[in-house]
Amino acid sequence: MEEQVVEVEMESVGDEADGSALIPFQLQFDKPVPFQVKMAEWNPEKDLLAIVTDDSKVLLHRFNWQRLWTVFPGKSISSLCWSPDGKVIALGTEDGSIFLHDVENGKMLRSMKTHNVAVICLNWEEDALKVVDRDNHFVYEDRTARFFPPPPQVPRMPGLSDGDLEEATQQLSSVSCQRFNILCSGDRDGCICFNIFGIFPIGKINIHSIVLPNCLGTNYQYQLKNASISKVALSRDLCQLEVLCSGELIELGTNTNCNDTSVGLHCLNLDTSIFLNRKNELHQVAQQASNIEDLVEVVRASISVMSKQWADAMSMFNSKFGALASLITDHGSYSNPQDEFLSLHLGVRTSPALQQFLLNSLGEAGVKRLSKTVDNAGKELRTVLNEHLQPALEIIGFRVGELRGLSRWRARYKSVGLVGKLMDNVTESAGMLLVQAERFSRVLTIVLFLFQNFFNWVLKCTKILLQEPIDQVQQANSELVVVFLKFFFQSDPVEQLLDAKCSVEVDRGTMKRIEQLIAFGGYKDRTFLERTLASECNKLEQCLKEAFLMPFSTVSETVACKGIAPLFPVPTPVSSTSPLIPMSINYYKEEIDGSSELDKASRSLTDYTCFKVLDGSLGLKNCIGIIRGFMTGLNPSMDREESCLDAVLVHLPDQYECVDLSLYKENQIVLLLNESESNSDTSERSLMVMIQASDLPFISVPLCMSDNIFFLHQLEDSVMSLDLDIGKFRDIPHHVTAPLAVSASRGLACVFSSNRHALVYILDEDEDEISEME
């Protein structure tokens, strides 16, 4: 094998560097960490480092190593990433959940269960096209703020302090929706999920079901079997998704593999251009749908709070008046409390049981206390109804109307997937829920008035039995006392309307009038009066789920594979017990002179994919591979046989092995190398090396091969050797472990050592910038 030396023209710098020479890696901190770190990411906008320890704690540190907060999700964390604005951190777990946490205080903003197995990788990317076309009349604008005040917050459950309930749903939506962005997540079973703004699911694909383009120069098509995703990265224009995954290439329609060595690490290029082409529509659907879901949560919490408050008041009422039934039984009578009160009201008699109840068990103080309890509960229900439930329903109605308008633009919005019939069902259900809220308000008013009238009458009767003056007792309506005793003493219509399992009885006359109204048009539901407020909320949620599933399905069906690059073979598909392969996907800015701002935004980013080649693969040992421009290099008009890719293989010094690698700004690659063998006379040694990607001799390699599907096989005779004597490096006097965290925007690197230390380096030579970050 012929090897060439990579001549990287950079200065070697050790700990004894000359003061006049540049110091590429200036050690800032060497801080102990409580547990071994398994993941770390720098904030893209601030000097903040998020690390995940082996005990699944998330720690957020400033650049000066001041700890801001610690979060323990209670589940094993398998991946993390930051939102593009640096205000939210996403955590993937072993059970398939994704948690979003606020950078300010660490509180959880949202939890989602989008996967069934461990979330291996996360990537959160926003639209990089900052230039807005002035002639584009369809740029999304949320008009809700013009007509409505800020959305209501989730009401608090009685007895909870201010800090016991999160109020983060609107906060997450308002923070993340400034720019169109997508959170992409991949799991161990080969599923990839897309969430707009990190919260609204817009698509899900399984790479096992994707038909792969011809990768062997034959007329057959292939699929991946037993695939596991290792890394995903969306392009800055959101048009393409690069996926690094391991799996077995299977000929479509058969159960046989391509050849004996088809199991390996592959790089896929998926077409996600719908995110760019339908960006404005998707933005509006996601914005409206996310806010609707937040408001539905306000409605559901409001119903729950009202139910709890009213149930507590009725429990006290029933416990007090339930004593009368026991007294009646003790006195040997077969009547019931209602008959006893009706007899007292009609002046027939006052039984000993009722007299004992009014004078001893209940008393004047007990009547006043019950009256105040029910009255306070009614006020609380009105507050929740007026300040949370009804405002939320009004805004839901407006936002649903906006989406319903989109669904009617079938020619333009068809690709988004909004279906007019489903949106009509959502509109009707939202309107019925608002009608149910107004109905509940009327019923609550009537019931509260009847309760207070009944308590006034009971208080008057008690004072008469006690031979006390009744001048200060409010006059009660006798007819309403009878109505309360006959219909509401044992029946609670307020609780009934708040219970999702109850059904409301409606008289025939009312149903006949409803049918007459339906004949005039406007809505189709004939049984809405038989449902409760809670069941109507459930119906709205079901209609929303069906309506929002259509855009999800539409987007999922449009994602297809544009190209595949089989990298190198592996013994078996990578599993949870397999050793991790160091790999990295990132973009470098490459200025284009004489181009428009729009062209620069869309074409000035070149993707670089770095990975360690497993020893023994393709006859190679201790090598790393670098692919340049996989996303931008595939030409759709070019034949598969003519597709090429720029790549290079770099052989590391034999005495070192690659622990981790990461891409850095200005076309640089940072490597962490451990000394593979150390003599007993010498201490362990590690290196942090930086090489210039533009200095590497990339070779254009055809993607399609008939004799060997792994295209890196063509580079076996042109492996570049890395010479540490002429590279930019830093000595570390002990072994280091993954991860290597690099901040391309801030010039920071954090290396974690095997003795539980975090080594923070400044990668920039500008001293002013260093002092500014401090």
Foldseek 3Di string as FASTA:
>chain_A
DDAAAQFFFDDADEPPDDPVDFDQWFFDDKFFDPAFWDDWAAQQPFQWIWTAGPQGKIWIAGPVRHTQDIDRPVFAWQEKDAANVRQWIWTWGQQQKIWIAGPNRGDTQDIDRPDRGTFNYKEKAFALQPDDDPPPPLADDDCLVVPAPPAFFADDAPPDDPPPDDRRLVVLLVVQLPTWMWMWIFFFQQKIWIATSVHRTQAMAGQQPFWAPDQAPDPWIWGWDSKGWNYWYADNNNQKIKTWIWTFIDTPPDDDGPDPFRTFIKIFIKGLCCCNVCVRVVSLCNSLLSLLVNLLSSQLSLLVRLLVLQVVLVVLVCVLVVVLQVLCVVVVHDDGPLVQVVCVLVVNDHDPSNLCSDPPRQDLVNLVVSLVSLVVSLVVNVCSLVRTNLSSLVSNLVSLVVLLVLQVVCVVCVLLFFHNVLSVQLNVLSVLLNVLSVVLVVVSVVVSVLSNLLSLVSSQVSCVSVVHDSPPRDHHDSVSNNVCSVPPPPDDVNSQLSDQPAWDDDDPVVLVVLVVVCVVPDDDDSRSNRGHSNVSSVSSVVSSVVRSVRSHVSSHVPIHTDHMARAWGDPHTDDPPHDDKAKEKDWEFADDPPDDSSCSSVPRIKMKIKIFDDPPILPDDQKMKIWIRPNNQDDSVDDLQPRKTWMAIEHEPPQWHWQHKYAAYQQKIWTKIWGPDDDPVAFTKIKIWIGHRVSDDIDIWRSHHNPDSRRCNVCPNHHYYYDSNSTYMYMDRHAWHDDWYANRVLQWIWTARPVRIITIIRSDSDVVSVVVSD
